Protein backbone atom coordinates (compact mmCIF):
# COMPACT_ATOMS: atom_id res chain seq x y z
CA UNK A 1 -42.52 -48.02 28.43
CA UNK A 2 -42.17 -44.29 28.26
CA UNK A 3 -39.29 -42.12 29.28
CA UNK A 4 -39.21 -39.29 31.79
CA UNK A 5 -38.13 -35.93 30.38
CA UNK A 6 -36.65 -33.23 32.60
CA UNK A 7 -36.75 -29.54 31.69
CA UNK A 8 -34.60 -26.78 33.17
CA UNK A 9 -36.50 -23.83 31.69
CA UNK A 10 -34.70 -20.51 31.41
CA UNK A 11 -35.33 -17.16 29.83
CA UNK A 12 -32.65 -17.77 27.17
CA UNK A 13 -32.09 -21.54 27.12
CA UNK A 14 -33.82 -24.77 28.08
CA UNK A 15 -31.77 -27.66 29.37
CA UNK A 16 -33.22 -31.12 28.75
CA UNK A 17 -32.46 -34.54 30.17
CA UNK A 18 -34.15 -37.89 29.71
CA UNK A 19 -34.23 -41.36 31.20
CA UNK A 20 -33.67 -44.58 29.38
CA UNK A 21 -36.92 -46.50 28.63
CA UNK A 22 -36.54 -48.52 31.87
CA UNK A 23 -36.24 -45.25 33.84
CA UNK A 24 -32.95 -46.22 35.49
CA UNK A 25 -30.44 -43.68 34.18
CA UNK A 26 -30.75 -39.91 33.69
CA UNK A 27 -28.81 -38.56 30.71
CA UNK A 28 -28.31 -35.04 29.41
CA UNK A 29 -30.26 -34.74 26.17
CA UNK A 30 -29.53 -31.24 24.84
CA UNK A 31 -29.97 -27.54 25.40
CA UNK A 32 -32.15 -25.49 23.05
CA UNK A 33 -32.89 -21.78 22.79
CA UNK A 34 -36.08 -20.98 24.69
CA UNK A 35 -37.85 -19.76 21.55
CA UNK A 36 -37.25 -23.21 19.95
CA UNK A 37 -38.63 -25.33 22.81
CA UNK A 38 -42.08 -25.91 21.30
CA UNK A 39 -40.67 -27.18 18.00
CA UNK A 40 -38.21 -29.37 19.89
CA UNK A 41 -40.92 -30.86 22.13
CA UNK A 42 -43.25 -31.50 19.19
CA UNK A 43 -40.49 -33.34 17.35
CA UNK A 44 -39.31 -35.26 20.41
CA UNK A 45 -42.78 -36.35 21.51
CA UNK A 46 -43.43 -37.50 17.93
CA UNK A 47 -40.40 -39.81 18.12
CA UNK A 48 -40.33 -40.92 21.75
CA UNK A 49 -42.92 -42.06 24.25
CA UNK A 50 -42.77 -39.80 27.30
CA UNK A 51 -44.86 -40.71 30.32
CA UNK A 52 -43.87 -37.83 32.61
CA UNK A 53 -42.28 -34.41 32.28
CA UNK A 54 -40.43 -32.86 35.20
CA UNK A 55 -39.91 -29.11 35.23
CA UNK A 56 -37.43 -27.44 37.53
CA UNK A 57 -39.29 -24.86 39.61
CA UNK A 58 -37.07 -22.24 41.22
CA UNK A 59 -37.60 -21.46 44.89
CA UNK A 60 -35.89 -19.14 47.31
CA UNK A 61 -34.39 -20.25 50.60
CA UNK A 62 -37.68 -19.47 52.40
CA UNK A 63 -39.42 -21.90 50.01
CA UNK A 64 -41.26 -19.10 48.20
CA UNK A 65 -41.16 -19.18 44.38
CA UNK A 66 -38.30 -17.10 42.97
CA UNK A 67 -38.67 -14.18 40.60
CA UNK A 68 -37.93 -16.28 37.54
CA UNK A 69 -41.29 -18.06 37.79
CA UNK A 70 -42.67 -15.22 35.67
CA UNK A 71 -40.94 -16.96 32.72
CA UNK A 72 -41.77 -20.50 33.76
CA UNK A 73 -45.47 -20.18 34.63
CA UNK A 74 -46.56 -19.20 31.09
CA UNK A 75 -44.59 -22.19 29.76
CA UNK A 76 -46.30 -24.50 32.27
CA UNK A 77 -49.77 -23.23 31.34
CA UNK A 78 -49.16 -23.65 27.63
CA UNK A 79 -47.61 -27.11 28.13
CA UNK A 80 -50.70 -28.29 30.00
CA UNK A 81 -52.93 -26.99 27.21
CA UNK A 82 -50.89 -28.45 24.34
CA UNK A 83 -49.93 -31.76 25.97
CA UNK A 84 -52.94 -32.64 28.09
CA UNK A 85 -52.08 -36.35 28.12
CA UNK A 86 -48.55 -35.96 29.49
CA UNK A 87 -48.37 -35.53 33.27
CA UNK A 88 -46.29 -32.61 34.48
CA UNK A 89 -44.51 -32.48 37.84
CA UNK A 90 -42.65 -29.55 39.36
CA UNK A 91 -39.29 -30.22 41.00
CA UNK A 92 -37.38 -27.94 43.34
CA UNK A 93 -34.36 -26.76 41.40
CA UNK A 94 -32.55 -24.85 44.12
CA UNK A 95 -28.80 -25.16 43.78
CA UNK A 96 -28.91 -27.27 40.59
CA UNK A 97 -26.77 -24.80 38.63
CA UNK A 98 -24.14 -24.79 41.39
CA UNK A 99 -24.33 -28.57 41.62
CA UNK A 100 -23.94 -28.82 37.83
CA UNK A 101 -20.90 -26.56 37.91
CA UNK A 102 -19.32 -28.60 40.71
CA UNK A 103 -20.11 -31.86 38.92
CA UNK A 104 -18.27 -30.58 35.86
CA UNK A 105 -15.26 -29.62 38.02
CA UNK A 106 -15.30 -33.07 39.61
CA UNK A 107 -15.45 -34.68 36.17
CA UNK A 108 -12.38 -32.75 35.05
CA UNK A 109 -14.15 -30.51 32.55
CA UNK A 110 -11.85 -27.70 31.42
CA UNK A 111 -12.50 -24.19 32.77
CA UNK A 112 -13.44 -22.84 29.32
CA UNK A 113 -16.01 -25.62 28.82
CA UNK A 114 -17.45 -25.07 32.31
CA UNK A 115 -18.27 -21.49 31.34
CA UNK A 116 -20.61 -22.73 28.60
CA UNK A 117 -24.09 -21.94 29.95
CA UNK A 118 -25.68 -24.47 27.59
CA UNK A 119 -23.74 -27.27 29.22
CA UNK A 120 -24.64 -26.07 32.72
CA UNK A 121 -28.36 -25.96 31.78
CA UNK A 122 -28.25 -29.50 30.38
CA UNK A 123 -26.41 -30.84 33.42
CA UNK A 124 -28.91 -29.03 35.68
CA UNK A 125 -31.78 -30.81 33.93
CA UNK A 126 -29.94 -34.09 34.47
CA UNK A 127 -29.52 -33.37 38.18
CA UNK A 128 -33.24 -32.57 38.49
CA UNK A 129 -34.08 -35.87 36.82
CA UNK A 130 -31.55 -37.91 38.79
CA UNK A 131 -32.89 -36.41 42.04
CA UNK A 132 -36.39 -37.50 41.06
CA UNK A 133 -35.22 -41.04 40.24
CA UNK A 134 -33.39 -41.33 43.56
CA UNK A 135 -36.36 -39.97 45.50
CA UNK A 136 -38.67 -42.43 43.77
CA UNK A 137 -36.28 -45.33 44.50
CA UNK A 138 -36.03 -44.26 48.14
CA UNK A 139 -39.83 -44.16 48.55
CA UNK A 140 -40.27 -47.74 47.28
């Protein structure tokens, strides 16, 4: 059984989260610099079976894609060329950074640690993945 990998793609960093093999729990995996994402994915896919990749897709309040898609769309195109056998699904990522920040406050994370953008990106990827798992459970 393969895992589901979630990607919160940014211009500077990429937050990553993954499910357990049974696809029950979403867990923050890591955050990598954007220019290292291809090496990371190659290594990770070589070690782990991944059956689906979710990518956070930023939208505005009117449901139109946000300006940052100019960074994400080239990544999506290359991913589909390089990893043709791994399905890719776009997930609405509106408010995930704010939700991640609030989740860290609720968990008692110190103010200094909450300012770490790498942590916020990883938690955002986890929220995207958890939202997908809950949606899938709800639709059953």
